[in-house]
PDB file of N, CA and C in Angstrom:
ATOM      1  N   MET A   1       7.169 -20.067   2.549  1.00  0.00           N
ATOM      2  CA  MET A   1       7.466 -18.408   1.996  1.00  0.00           C
ATOM      3  C   MET A   1       6.369 -17.518   2.584  1.00  0.00           C
ATOM      4  N   GLU A   2       5.062 -18.234   2.849  1.00  0.00           N
ATOM      5  CA  GLU A   2       4.480 -17.221   3.276  1.00  0.00           C
ATOM      6  C   GLU A   2       4.389 -16.692   4.706  1.00  0.00           C
ATOM      7  N   PRO A   3       4.890 -17.629   5.572  1.00  0.00           N
ATOM      8  CA  PRO A   3       5.124 -17.549   6.693  1.00  0.00           C
ATOM      9  C   PRO A   3       5.775 -15.756   7.003  1.00  0.00           C
ATOM     10  N   VAL A   4       6.942 -16.226   5.941  1.00  0.00           N
ATOM     11  CA  VAL A   4       7.984 -14.989   6.244  1.00  0.00           C
ATOM     12  C   VAL A   4       6.987 -13.767   5.526  1.00  0.00           C
ATOM     13  N   LEU A   5       6.830 -13.902   4.639  1.00  0.00           N
ATOM     14  CA  LEU A   5       5.681 -12.660   4.048  1.00  0.00           C
ATOM     15  C   LEU A   5       4.470 -12.016   4.780  1.00  0.00           C
ATOM     16  N   ALA A   6       4.114 -12.955   5.817  1.00  0.00           N
ATOM     17  CA  ALA A   6       3.075 -12.723   6.457  1.00  0.00           C
ATOM     18  C   ALA A   6       3.547 -12.024   7.797  1.00  0.00           C
ATOM     19  N   LEU A   7       4.996 -12.142   8.275  1.00  0.00           N
ATOM     20  CA  LEU A   7       5.627 -11.415   8.678  1.00  0.00           C
ATOM     21  C   LEU A   7       5.815  -9.967   8.675  1.00  0.00           C
ATOM     22  N   VAL A   8       6.451  -9.954   7.578  1.00  0.00           N
ATOM     23  CA  VAL A   8       6.888  -8.619   6.755  1.00  0.00           C
ATOM     24  C   VAL A   8       5.641  -7.680   6.397  1.00  0.00           C
ATOM     25  N   SER A   9       4.695  -8.460   6.276  1.00  0.00           N
ATOM     26  CA  SER A   9       3.725  -7.658   6.285  1.00  0.00           C
ATOM     27  C   SER A   9       2.966  -6.660   7.687  1.00  0.00           C
ATOM     28  N   GLY A  10       3.124  -7.900   8.683  1.00  0.00           N
ATOM     29  CA  GLY A  10       3.074  -7.366  10.148  1.00  0.00           C
ATOM     30  C   GLY A  10       3.849  -6.000  10.456  1.00  0.00           C
ATOM     31  N   ALA A  11       4.647  -6.434  10.099  1.00  0.00           N
ATOM     32  CA  ALA A  11       5.424  -5.113  10.254  1.00  0.00           C
ATOM     33  C   ALA A  11       5.556  -4.006   9.653  1.00  0.00           C
ATOM     34  N   LEU A  12       5.269  -3.955   8.310  1.00  0.00           N
ATOM     35  CA  LEU A  12       4.802  -3.052   7.584  1.00  0.00           C
ATOM     36  C   LEU A  12       3.810  -2.223   8.681  1.00  0.00           C
ATOM     37  N   PHE A  13       2.588  -3.176   8.917  1.00  0.00           N
ATOM     38  CA  PHE A  13       1.467  -2.396   9.375  1.00  0.00           C
ATOM     39  C   PHE A  13       1.732  -1.559  10.586  1.00  0.00           C
ATOM     40  N   THR A  14       2.916  -2.348  11.537  1.00  0.00           N
ATOM     41  CA  THR A  14       3.086  -1.810  12.995  1.00  0.00           C
ATOM     42  C   THR A  14       3.834  -0.695  12.413  1.00  0.00           C
ATOM     43  N   ALA A  15       4.962  -0.560  11.563  1.00  0.00           N
ATOM     44  CA  ALA A  15       5.471   0.739  11.281  1.00  0.00           C
ATOM     45  C   ALA A  15       4.485   1.444  11.193  1.00  0.00           C
ATOM     46  N   ALA A  16       3.649   1.157  10.050  1.00  0.00           N
ATOM     47  CA  ALA A  16       2.746   2.197   9.336  1.00  0.00           C
ATOM     48  C   ALA A  16       1.770   2.890  10.811  1.00  0.00           C
ATOM     49  N   ILE A  17       1.378   2.132  11.717  1.00  0.00           N
ATOM     50  CA  ILE A  17       0.679   2.358  12.397  1.00  0.00           C
ATOM     51  C   ILE A  17       1.332   3.527  13.633  1.00  0.00           C
ATOM     52  N   TYR A  18       2.419   3.236  13.966  1.00  0.00           N
ATOM     53  CA  TYR A  18       3.572   4.058  14.449  1.00  0.00           C
ATOM     54  C   TYR A  18       3.557   5.379  14.084  1.00  0.00           C
ATOM     55  N   LEU A  19       3.731   5.321  12.438  1.00  0.00           N
ATOM     56  CA  LEU A  19       4.086   6.731  11.723  1.00  0.00           C
ATOM     57  C   LEU A  19       2.766   7.474  11.636  1.00  0.00           C
ATOM     58  N   ILE A  20       1.671   6.765  11.713  1.00  0.00           N
ATOM     59  CA  ILE A  20       0.326   7.705  11.647  1.00  0.00           C
ATOM     60  C   ILE A  20      -0.175   8.345  12.876  1.00  0.00           C
ATOM     61  N   LEU A  21       0.424   7.843  13.786  1.00  0.00           N
ATOM     62  CA  LEU A  21       0.090   8.286  14.948  1.00  0.00           C
ATOM     63  C   LEU A  21       1.441   9.587  15.461  1.00  0.00           C
ATOM     64  N   ARG A  22       2.237   9.666  14.708  1.00  0.00           N
ATOM     65  CA  ARG A  22       2.866  10.937  15.078  1.00  0.00           C
ATOM     66  C   ARG A  22       2.510  11.833  14.413  1.00  0.00           C
ATOM     67  N   ARG A  23       3.160  13.143  15.230  1.00  0.00           N
ATOM     68  CA  ARG A  23       2.064  14.550  15.042  1.00  0.00           C
ATOM     69  C   ARG A  23       2.334  15.291  13.462  1.00  0.00           C
ATOM     70  N   SER A  24       3.731  14.478  12.634  1.00  0.00           N
ATOM     71  CA  SER A  24       4.500  15.321  11.611  1.00  0.00           C
ATOM     72  C   SER A  24       3.405  14.929  10.631  1.00  0.00           C
ATOM     73  N   ILE A  25       3.255  15.709   9.670  1.00  0.00           N
ATOM     74  CA  ILE A  25       2.469  15.421   8.529  1.00  0.00           C
ATOM     75  C   ILE A  25       3.024  14.540   7.746  1.00  0.00           C
ATOM     76  N   VAL A  26       4.263  14.910   7.517  1.00  0.00           N
ATOM     77  CA  VAL A  26       5.247  14.097   6.436  1.00  0.00           C
ATOM     78  C   VAL A  26       5.075  12.652   6.708  1.00  0.00           C
ATOM     79  N   LYS A  27       5.233  12.689   8.008  1.00  0.00           N
ATOM     80  CA  LYS A  27       5.186  10.805   8.460  1.00  0.00           C
ATOM     81  C   LYS A  27       4.104  10.531   8.705  1.00  0.00           C
ATOM     82  N   LEU A  28       2.844  11.240   8.711  1.00  0.00           N
ATOM     83  CA  LEU A  28       1.532  10.813   8.389  1.00  0.00           C
ATOM     84  C   LEU A  28       1.376  10.066   7.083  1.00  0.00           C
ATOM     85  N   VAL A  29       1.950  10.777   6.160  1.00  0.00           N
ATOM     86  CA  VAL A  29       2.118  10.494   4.826  1.00  0.00           C
ATOM     87  C   VAL A  29       2.773   8.873   4.315  1.00  0.00           C
ATOM     88  N   LEU A  30       4.056   9.245   5.143  1.00  0.00           N
ATOM     89  CA  LEU A  30       4.870   7.889   5.004  1.00  0.00           C
ATOM     90  C   LEU A  30       4.013   6.712   5.606  1.00  0.00           C
ATOM     91  N   GLY A  31       3.325   6.881   6.575  1.00  0.00           N
ATOM     92  CA  GLY A  31       2.596   5.893   7.059  1.00  0.00           C
ATOM     93  C   GLY A  31       1.811   5.172   6.210  1.00  0.00           C
ATOM     94  N   LEU A  32       0.966   6.092   5.477  1.00  0.00           N
ATOM     95  CA  LEU A  32       0.029   5.890   4.909  1.00  0.00           C
ATOM     96  C   LEU A  32       0.485   4.851   3.562  1.00  0.00           C
ATOM     97  N   ILE A  33       1.721   5.448   2.905  1.00  0.00           N
ATOM     98  CA  ILE A  33       2.598   4.754   2.078  1.00  0.00           C
ATOM     99  C   ILE A  33       2.723   3.566   2.795  1.00  0.00           C
ATOM    100  N   LEU A  34       3.128   3.394   3.708  1.00  0.00           N
ATOM    101  CA  LEU A  34       3.301   1.899   4.612  1.00  0.00           C
ATOM    102  C   LEU A  34       2.258   1.069   4.492  1.00  0.00           C
ATOM    103  N   LEU A  35       1.551   1.442   4.916  1.00  0.00           N
ATOM    104  CA  LEU A  35       0.070   1.090   5.254  1.00  0.00           C
ATOM    105  C   LEU A  35      -0.427   0.506   4.005  1.00  0.00           C
ATOM    106  N   SER A  36      -0.793   1.084   2.738  1.00  0.00           N
ATOM    107  CA  SER A  36      -1.086   0.353   1.509  1.00  0.00           C
ATOM    108  C   SER A  36      -0.162  -0.355   0.770  1.00  0.00           C
ATOM    109  N   ASN A  37       1.195   0.257   1.176  1.00  0.00           N
ATOM    110  CA  ASN A  37       2.332  -1.293   0.918  1.00  0.00           C
ATOM    111  C   ASN A  37       2.000  -2.668   1.349  1.00  0.00           C
ATOM    112  N   GLY A  38       1.676  -2.476   3.084  1.00  0.00           N
ATOM    113  CA  GLY A  38       1.512  -3.718   3.856  1.00  0.00           C
ATOM    114  C   GLY A  38       0.117  -4.705   3.202  1.00  0.00           C
ATOM    115  N   ALA A  39      -0.805  -3.750   2.795  1.00  0.00           N
ATOM    116  CA  ALA A  39      -2.336  -4.289   2.299  1.00  0.00           C
ATOM    117  C   ALA A  39      -2.048  -5.171   1.026  1.00  0.00           C
ATOM    118  N   ASN A  40      -1.225  -4.551   0.151  1.00  0.00           N
ATOM    119  CA  ASN A  40      -1.101  -5.239  -1.058  1.00  0.00           C
ATOM    120  C   ASN A  40      -0.278  -6.261  -0.688  1.00  0.00           C
ATOM    121  N   LEU A  41       1.132  -6.264   0.418  1.00  0.00           N
ATOM    122  CA  LEU A  41       1.735  -7.610   0.080  1.00  0.00           C
ATOM    123  C   LEU A  41       0.574  -8.756   0.981  1.00  0.00           C
ATOM    124  N   LEU A  42      -0.263  -8.056   2.114  1.00  0.00           N
ATOM    125  CA  LEU A  42      -0.950  -9.183   2.571  1.00  0.00           C
ATOM    126  C   LEU A  42      -2.011  -9.931   1.496  1.00  0.00           C
ATOM    127  N   ILE A  43      -2.777  -8.868   0.607  1.00  0.00           N
ATOM    128  CA  ILE A  43      -3.454 -10.021  -0.431  1.00  0.00           C
ATOM    129  C   ILE A  43      -2.509 -10.651  -1.180  1.00  0.00           C
ATOM    130  N   PHE A  44      -1.416 -10.430  -1.591  1.00  0.00           N
ATOM    131  CA  PHE A  44      -0.588 -11.332  -2.097  1.00  0.00           C
ATOM    132  C   PHE A  44      -0.202 -12.445  -1.584  1.00  0.00           C
ATOM    133  N   THR A  45       0.165 -12.348  -0.155  1.00  0.00           N
ATOM    134  CA  THR A  45       0.243 -13.515   0.498  1.00  0.00           C
ATOM    135  C   THR A  45      -0.992 -14.482   0.928  1.00  0.00           C
ATOM    136  N   VAL A  46      -2.196 -14.054   1.021  1.00  0.00           N
ATOM    137  CA  VAL A  46      -3.308 -14.669   1.474  1.00  0.00           C
ATOM    138  C   VAL A  46      -4.139 -15.340   0.478  1.00  0.00           C
ATOM    139  N   SER A  47      -3.379 -15.054  -1.129  1.00  0.00           N
ATOM    140  CA  SER A  47      -4.186 -15.666  -2.667  1.00  0.00           C
ATOM    141  C   SER A  47      -3.359 -16.398  -2.776  1.00  0.00           C
ATOM    142  N   GLY A  48      -2.237 -16.557  -1.824  1.00  0.00           N
ATOM    143  CA  GLY A  48      -1.036 -18.120  -2.319  1.00  0.00           C
ATOM    144  C   GLY A  48      -0.155 -17.514  -3.265  1.00  0.00           C
ATOM    145  N   LEU A  49       1.130 -18.050  -3.133  1.00  0.00           N
ATOM    146  CA  LEU A  49       1.918 -17.781  -3.982  1.00  0.00           C
ATOM    147  C   LEU A  49       2.475 -19.253  -5.061  1.00  0.00           C
ATOM    148  N   THR A  50       2.015 -19.135  -6.041  1.00  0.00           N
ATOM    149  CA  THR A  50       2.548 -20.335  -7.264  1.00  0.00           C
ATOM    150  C   THR A  50       3.589 -19.414  -8.149  1.00  0.00           C
ATOM    151  N   ARG A  51       4.648 -20.048  -8.267  1.00  0.00           N
ATOM    152  CA  ARG A  51       5.946 -19.845  -9.046  1.00  0.00           C
ATOM    153  C   ARG A  51       6.090 -20.506 -10.152  1.00  0.00           C
ATOM    154  N   ASN A  52       6.490 -19.741 -10.786  1.00  0.00           N
ATOM    155  CA  ASN A  52       6.763 -20.142 -12.720  1.00  0.00           C
ATOM    156  C   ASN A  52       5.682 -20.702 -13.083  1.00  0.00           C
ATOM    157  N   ALA A  53       4.029 -20.398 -12.777  1.00  0.00           N
ATOM    158  CA  ALA A  53       2.924 -20.907 -12.976  1.00  0.00           C
ATOM    159  C   ALA A  53       2.152 -19.980 -13.861  1.00  0.00           C
ATOM    160  N   PRO A  54       2.153 -19.486 -15.109  1.00  0.00           N
ATOM    161  CA  PRO A  54       1.596 -18.524 -15.624  1.00  0.00           C
ATOM    162  C   PRO A  54       0.006 -18.962 -15.336  1.00  0.00           C
ATOM    163  N   PRO A  55      -0.723 -18.187 -15.878  1.00  0.00           N
ATOM    164  CA  PRO A  55      -2.608 -18.235 -15.753  1.00  0.00           C
ATOM    165  C   PRO A  55      -2.971 -18.618 -17.020  1.00  0.00           C
ATOM    166  N   LEU A  56      -2.263 -19.462 -17.571  1.00  0.00           N
ATOM    167  CA  LEU A  56      -2.623 -19.396 -19.237  1.00  0.00           C
ATOM    168  C   LEU A  56      -3.389 -20.762 -19.428  1.00  0.00           C
ATOM    169  N   ILE A  57      -4.525 -20.977 -20.084  1.00  0.00           N
ATOM    170  CA  ILE A  57      -4.821 -22.460 -20.166  1.00  0.00           C
ATOM    171  C   ILE A  57      -4.744 -22.840 -21.768  1.00  0.00           C
ATOM    172  N   PRO A  58      -4.272 -23.767 -21.937  1.00  0.00           N
ATOM    173  CA  PRO A  58      -3.723 -24.457 -23.476  1.00  0.00           C
ATOM    174  C   PRO A  58      -5.240 -24.357 -24.426  1.00  0.00           C
ATOM    175  N   GLU A  59      -4.620 -24.154 -25.199  1.00  0.00           N
ATOM    176  CA  GLU A  59      -5.892 -24.211 -26.349  1.00  0.00           C
ATOM    177  C   GLU A  59      -6.640 -25.247 -26.446  1.00  0.00           C
ATOM    178  N   GLY A  60      -8.038 -25.349 -26.385  1.00  0.00           N
ATOM    179  CA  GLY A  60      -8.707 -26.466 -26.671  1.00  0.00           C
ATOM    180  C   GLY A  60      -9.340 -27.060 -25.425  1.00  0.00           C
ATOM    181  N   MET A  61      -8.578 -26.649 -23.997  1.00  0.00           N
ATOM    182  CA  MET A  61      -8.572 -26.944 -22.693  1.00  0.00           C
ATOM    183  C   MET A  61     -10.036 -25.875 -22.320  1.00  0.00           C
ATOM    184  N   LEU A  62     -10.346 -26.389 -21.269  1.00  0.00           N
ATOM    185  CA  LEU A  62     -11.269 -25.577 -20.185  1.00  0.00           C
ATOM    186  C   LEU A  62     -10.656 -25.311 -18.864  1.00  0.00           C
ATOM    187  N   THR A  63      -9.375 -25.951 -18.577  1.00  0.00           N
ATOM    188  CA  THR A  63      -9.204 -25.666 -17.549  1.00  0.00           C
ATOM    189  C   THR A  63      -7.441 -25.640 -17.847  1.00  0.00           C
ATOM    190  N   PRO A  64      -6.687 -25.453 -16.613  1.00  0.00           N
ATOM    191  CA  PRO A  64      -5.291 -25.273 -16.582  1.00  0.00           C
ATOM    192  C   PRO A  64      -4.720 -26.554 -16.245  1.00  0.00           C
ATOM    193  N   LEU A  65      -3.717 -27.137 -16.801  1.00  0.00           N
ATOM    194  CA  LEU A  65      -3.276 -28.565 -16.775  1.00  0.00           C
ATOM    195  C   LEU A  65      -2.743 -28.575 -15.280  1.00  0.00           C
ATOM    196  N   GLY A  66      -2.164 -27.848 -14.659  1.00  0.00           N
ATOM    197  CA  GLY A  66      -1.536 -27.938 -13.452  1.00  0.00           C
ATOM    198  C   GLY A  66      -1.696 -26.634 -12.579  1.00  0.00           C
ATOM    199  N   ALA A  67      -0.832 -26.529 -11.490  1.00  0.00           N
ATOM    200  CA  ALA A  67      -0.864 -25.458 -11.060  1.00  0.00           C
ATOM    201  C   ALA A  67      -0.965 -24.052 -11.562  1.00  0.00           C
ATOM    202  N   SER A  68      -1.515 -23.386 -11.311  1.00  0.00           N
ATOM    203  CA  SER A  68      -1.533 -22.010 -12.233  1.00  0.00           C
ATOM    204  C   SER A  68      -1.740 -20.943 -11.429  1.00  0.00           C
ATOM    205  N   ALA A  69      -1.002 -19.752 -11.459  1.00  0.00           N
ATOM    206  CA  ALA A  69      -1.002 -18.378 -10.600  1.00  0.00           C
ATOM    207  C   ALA A  69      -2.589 -17.654 -10.953  1.00  0.00           C
ATOM    208  N   ASP A  70      -2.935 -16.984  -9.705  1.00  0.00           N
ATOM    209  CA  ASP A  70      -4.727 -16.458  -9.864  1.00  0.00           C
ATOM    210  C   ASP A  70      -4.233 -15.371 -10.232  1.00  0.00           C
ATOM    211  N   PRO A  71      -4.715 -14.926 -11.679  1.00  0.00           N
ATOM    212  CA  PRO A  71      -4.762 -13.148 -11.723  1.00  0.00           C
ATOM    213  C   PRO A  71      -5.556 -12.180 -11.211  1.00  0.00           C
ATOM    214  N   LEU A  72      -6.667 -12.774 -10.639  1.00  0.00           N
ATOM    215  CA  LEU A  72      -7.111 -11.580 -10.290  1.00  0.00           C
ATOM    216  C   LEU A  72      -6.510 -10.905  -8.695  1.00  0.00           C
ATOM    217  N   PRO A  73      -5.773 -11.321  -7.499  1.00  0.00           N
ATOM    218  CA  PRO A  73      -4.863 -10.794  -7.021  1.00  0.00           C
ATOM    219  C   PRO A  73      -4.175  -9.695  -7.370  1.00  0.00           C
ATOM    220  N   GLN A  74      -3.450 -10.122  -8.766  1.00  0.00           N
ATOM    221  CA  GLN A  74      -2.567  -9.155  -9.297  1.00  0.00           C
ATOM    222  C   GLN A  74      -2.933  -8.132  -9.782  1.00  0.00           C
ATOM    223  N   ALA A  75      -4.098  -8.354 -10.628  1.00  0.00           N
ATOM    224  CA  ALA A  75      -4.817  -7.361 -11.229  1.00  0.00           C
ATOM    225  C   ALA A  75      -5.172  -5.988 -10.300  1.00  0.00           C
ATOM    226  N   LEU A  76      -5.861  -6.801  -8.548  1.00  0.00           N
ATOM    227  CA  LEU A  76      -6.256  -5.720  -7.651  1.00  0.00           C
ATOM    228  C   LEU A  76      -5.054  -4.970  -7.299  1.00  0.00           C
ATOM    229  N   ILE A  77      -3.836  -5.737  -6.937  1.00  0.00           N
ATOM    230  CA  ILE A  77      -2.777  -4.904  -6.551  1.00  0.00           C
ATOM    231  C   ILE A  77      -2.185  -3.971  -7.262  1.00  0.00           C
ATOM    232  N   LEU A  78      -2.374  -4.447  -8.639  1.00  0.00           N
ATOM    233  CA  LEU A  78      -2.108  -3.425  -9.707  1.00  0.00           C
ATOM    234  C   LEU A  78      -2.925  -2.015  -9.826  1.00  0.00           C
ATOM    235  N   THR A  79      -3.981  -1.976  -9.562  1.00  0.00           N
ATOM    236  CA  THR A  79      -5.097  -0.983  -9.195  1.00  0.00           C
ATOM    237  C   THR A  79      -4.324  -0.228  -8.373  1.00  0.00           C
ATOM    238  N   ALA A  80      -4.594  -1.217  -6.962  1.00  0.00           N
ATOM    239  CA  ALA A  80      -4.469  -0.312  -5.837  1.00  0.00           C
ATOM    240  C   ALA A  80      -2.846   0.514  -5.431  1.00  0.00           C
ATOM    241  N   ILE A  81      -1.746  -0.147  -6.566  1.00  0.00           N
ATOM    242  CA  ILE A  81      -0.834   0.648  -6.836  1.00  0.00           C
ATOM    243  C   ILE A  81      -0.873   1.978  -7.485  1.00  0.00           C
ATOM    244  N   VAL A  82      -1.474   2.083  -8.603  1.00  0.00           N
ATOM    245  CA  VAL A  82      -2.016   3.231  -9.202  1.00  0.00           C
ATOM    246  C   VAL A  82      -3.078   4.345  -8.382  1.00  0.00           C
ATOM    247  N   ILE A  83      -3.881   3.865  -7.678  1.00  0.00           N
ATOM    248  CA  ILE A  83      -4.536   4.346  -7.069  1.00  0.00           C
ATOM    249  C   ILE A  83      -3.201   5.211  -5.716  1.00  0.00           C
ATOM    250  N   SER A  84      -2.781   4.413  -5.279  1.00  0.00           N
ATOM    251  CA  SER A  84      -2.120   5.083  -3.932  1.00  0.00           C
ATOM    252  C   SER A  84      -0.972   5.986  -4.752  1.00  0.00           C
ATOM    253  N   PHE A  85      -0.640   5.955  -5.355  1.00  0.00           N
ATOM    254  CA  PHE A  85       0.450   6.607  -6.294  1.00  0.00           C
ATOM    255  C   PHE A  85      -0.589   7.873  -6.302  1.00  0.00           C
ATOM    256  N   GLY A  86      -1.712   7.950  -6.956  1.00  0.00           N
ATOM    257  CA  GLY A  86      -2.252   9.163  -7.252  1.00  0.00           C
ATOM    258  C   GLY A  86      -2.599   9.811  -5.941  1.00  0.00           C
ATOM    259  N   VAL A  87      -3.127   8.872  -5.186  1.00  0.00           N
ATOM    260  CA  VAL A  87      -3.357   9.322  -3.639  1.00  0.00           C
ATOM    261  C   VAL A  87      -2.055  10.303  -2.708  1.00  0.00           C
ATOM    262  N   LEU A  88      -0.738   9.732  -3.173  1.00  0.00           N
ATOM    263  CA  LEU A  88       0.208   9.970  -2.394  1.00  0.00           C
ATOM    264  C   LEU A  88       0.898  11.201  -3.059  1.00  0.00           C
ATOM    265  N   ALA A  89       0.772  11.768  -4.406  1.00  0.00           N
ATOM    266  CA  ALA A  89       0.680  12.354  -5.316  1.00  0.00           C
ATOM    267  C   ALA A  89      -0.025  13.699  -5.013  1.00  0.00           C
ATOM    268  N   PHE A  90      -0.908  14.093  -4.691  1.00  0.00           N
ATOM    269  CA  PHE A  90      -2.082  14.698  -4.016  1.00  0.00           C
ATOM    270  C   PHE A  90      -1.802  15.210  -2.958  1.00  0.00           C
ATOM    271  N   ALA A  91      -1.403  13.708  -1.824  1.00  0.00           N
ATOM    272  CA  ALA A  91      -1.016  14.486  -0.320  1.00  0.00           C
ATOM    273  C   ALA A  91       0.465  15.131  -0.233  1.00  0.00           C
ATOM    274  N   VAL A  92       1.301  14.949  -1.543  1.00  0.00           N
ATOM    275  CA  VAL A  92       2.418  15.587  -0.822  1.00  0.00           C
ATOM    276  C   VAL A  92       2.452  17.069  -1.875  1.00  0.00           C
ATOM    277  N   VAL A  93       1.659  17.427  -2.862  1.00  0.00           N
ATOM    278  CA  VAL A  93       1.368  18.925  -3.115  1.00  0.00           C
ATOM    279  C   VAL A  93       0.366  19.490  -1.844  1.00  0.00           C
ATOM    280  N   LEU A  94      -0.690  18.910  -1.373  1.00  0.00           N
ATOM    281  CA  LEU A  94      -1.435  19.426  -0.233  1.00  0.00           C
ATOM    282  C   LEU A  94      -0.294  19.452   1.061  1.00  0.00           C
ATOM    283  N   ILE A  95       0.757  18.682   1.390  1.00  0.00           N
ATOM    284  CA  ILE A  95       1.549  19.117   2.100  1.00  0.00           C
ATOM    285  C   ILE A  95       2.478  20.024   1.844  1.00  0.00           C
ATOM    286  N   HIS A  96       2.696  20.193   0.815  1.00  0.00           N
ATOM    287  CA  HIS A  96       3.518  21.196   0.227  1.00  0.00           C
ATOM    288  C   HIS A  96       3.129  22.773   0.475  1.00  0.00           C
ATOM    289  N   ARG A  97       1.568  22.545  -0.042  1.00  0.00           N
ATOM    290  CA  ARG A  97       0.903  24.138   0.257  1.00  0.00           C
ATOM    291  C   ARG A  97       0.353  24.308   1.762  1.00  0.00           C
ATOM    292  N   ALA A  98       0.339  23.372   2.237  1.00  0.00           N
ATOM    293  CA  ALA A  98      -0.198  23.714   4.019  1.00  0.00           C
ATOM    294  C   ALA A  98       1.381  24.170   4.473  1.00  0.00           C
ATOM    295  N   TYR A  99       2.329  23.600   4.009  1.00  0.00           N
ATOM    296  CA  TYR A  99       3.590  24.353   4.516  1.00  0.00           C
ATOM    297  C   TYR A  99       3.680  25.492   4.263  1.00  0.00           C
ATOM    298  N   GLU A 100       3.626  25.926   2.982  1.00  0.00           N
ATOM    299  CA  GLU A 100       3.440  27.363   2.542  1.00  0.00           C
ATOM    300  C   GLU A 100       2.683  28.226   3.314  1.00  0.00           C
ATOM    301  N   VAL A 101       1.880  27.900   3.379  1.00  0.00           N
ATOM    302  CA  VAL A 101       1.151  28.492   4.118  1.00  0.00           C
ATOM    303  C   VAL A 101       0.862  28.843   5.785  1.00  0.00           C
ATOM    304  N   VAL A 102       1.048  28.042   6.151  1.00  0.00           N
ATOM    305  CA  VAL A 102       1.321  27.874   7.669  1.00  0.00           C
ATOM    306  C   VAL A 102       3.060  27.954   8.089  1.00  0.00           C
ATOM    307  N   GLY A 103       3.559  27.354   7.669  1.00  0.00           N
ATOM    308  CA  GLY A 103       5.014  27.746   7.867  1.00  0.00           C
ATOM    309  C   GLY A 103       5.176  26.429   8.855  1.00  0.00           C
ATOM    310  N   GLU A 104       4.517  25.171   9.275  1.00  0.00           N
ATOM    311  CA  GLU A 104       5.108  24.290  10.016  1.00  0.00           C
ATOM    312  C   GLU A 104       4.646  23.072   9.774  1.00  0.00           C
ATOM    313  N   ASP A 105       5.027  22.096  10.258  1.00  0.00           N
ATOM    314  CA  ASP A 105       5.120  20.698  10.149  1.00  0.00           C
ATOM    315  C   ASP A 105       3.959  19.786  11.072  1.00  0.00           C
ATOM    316  N   ASP A 106       4.445  20.456  12.103  1.00  0.00           N
ATOM    317  CA  ASP A 106       3.423  19.711  13.425  1.00  0.00           C
ATOM    318  C   ASP A 106       1.920  20.149  13.008  1.00  0.00           C
ATOM    319  N   LEU A 107       1.152  18.975  13.329  1.00  0.00           N
ATOM    320  CA  LEU A 107      -0.373  18.879  12.983  1.00  0.00           C
ATOM    321  C   LEU A 107      -0.968  19.733  14.070  1.00  0.00           C
ATOM    322  N   ASP A 108      -0.409  19.780  15.367  1.00  0.00           N
ATOM    323  CA  ASP A 108      -0.742  20.411  16.411  1.00  0.00           C
ATOM    324  C   ASP A 108      -0.693  22.152  16.508  1.00  0.00           C
ATOM    325  N   GLN A 109       0.172  22.439  15.496  1.00  0.00           N
ATOM    326  CA  GLN A 109       0.275  23.933  15.374  1.00  0.00           C
ATOM    327  C   GLN A 109      -0.679  23.888  13.969  1.00  0.00           C
ATOM    328  N   MET A 110      -0.900  23.393  13.519  1.00  0.00           N
ATOM    329  CA  MET A 110      -1.637  23.579  12.518  1.00  0.00           C
ATOM    330  C   MET A 110      -3.009  23.818  12.746  1.00  0.00           C
ATOM    331  N   LYS A 111      -3.364  23.366  13.740  1.00  0.00           N
ATOM    332  CA  LYS A 111      -4.884  23.343  14.517  1.00  0.00           C
ATOM    333  C   LYS A 111      -5.140  24.911  14.974  1.00  0.00           C
ATOM    334  N   ASP A 112      -3.926  25.272  15.506  1.00  0.00           N
ATOM    335  CA  ASP A 112      -3.878  26.903  15.861  1.00  0.00           C
ATOM    336  C   ASP A 112      -4.225  27.709  14.719  1.00  0.00           C
ATOM    337  N   THR A 113      -4.121  27.504  13.357  1.00  0.00           N
ATOM    338  CA  THR A 113      -4.359  28.337  12.962  1.00  0.00           C
ATOM    339  C   THR A 113      -5.850  28.545  12.142  1.00  0.00           C
ATOM    340  N   ASP A 114      -6.647  27.681  12.592  1.00  0.00           N
ATOM    341  CA  ASP A 114      -8.068  27.363  12.319  1.00  0.00           C
ATOM    342  C   ASP A 114      -8.881  28.789  12.580  1.00  0.00           C
ATOM    343  N   ARG A 115      -8.269  29.666  13.774  1.00  0.00           N
ATOM    344  CA  ARG A 115      -9.064  30.481  14.862  1.00  0.00           C
ATOM    345  C   ARG A 115      -9.203  31.849  13.827  1.00  0.00           C
TER     346      ARG A 115
END
């Protein structure tokens, strides 16, 4: 399963870079979303996938009995999801305001208003 997820993560990175290099500011934000999702999936894949093995230690034991899931990558990804949602909300409001002021979605046209 890890090779498939690595390929999916690579495809997300590829699509994200393609969208980031476009001139539209909406495509730029969509590329940033794909980039963050690809990074999250990459962290999950690198940390190793363990199914049906909760990270619980039985009472009186110092270590888990068998294979267990690592809770640290899950906590990191949960934090990254919350942060990326906040950045996305800010970017959407910023794009909306920029479109109201400039009336253009093209980044090159937005540069012309700096004068």
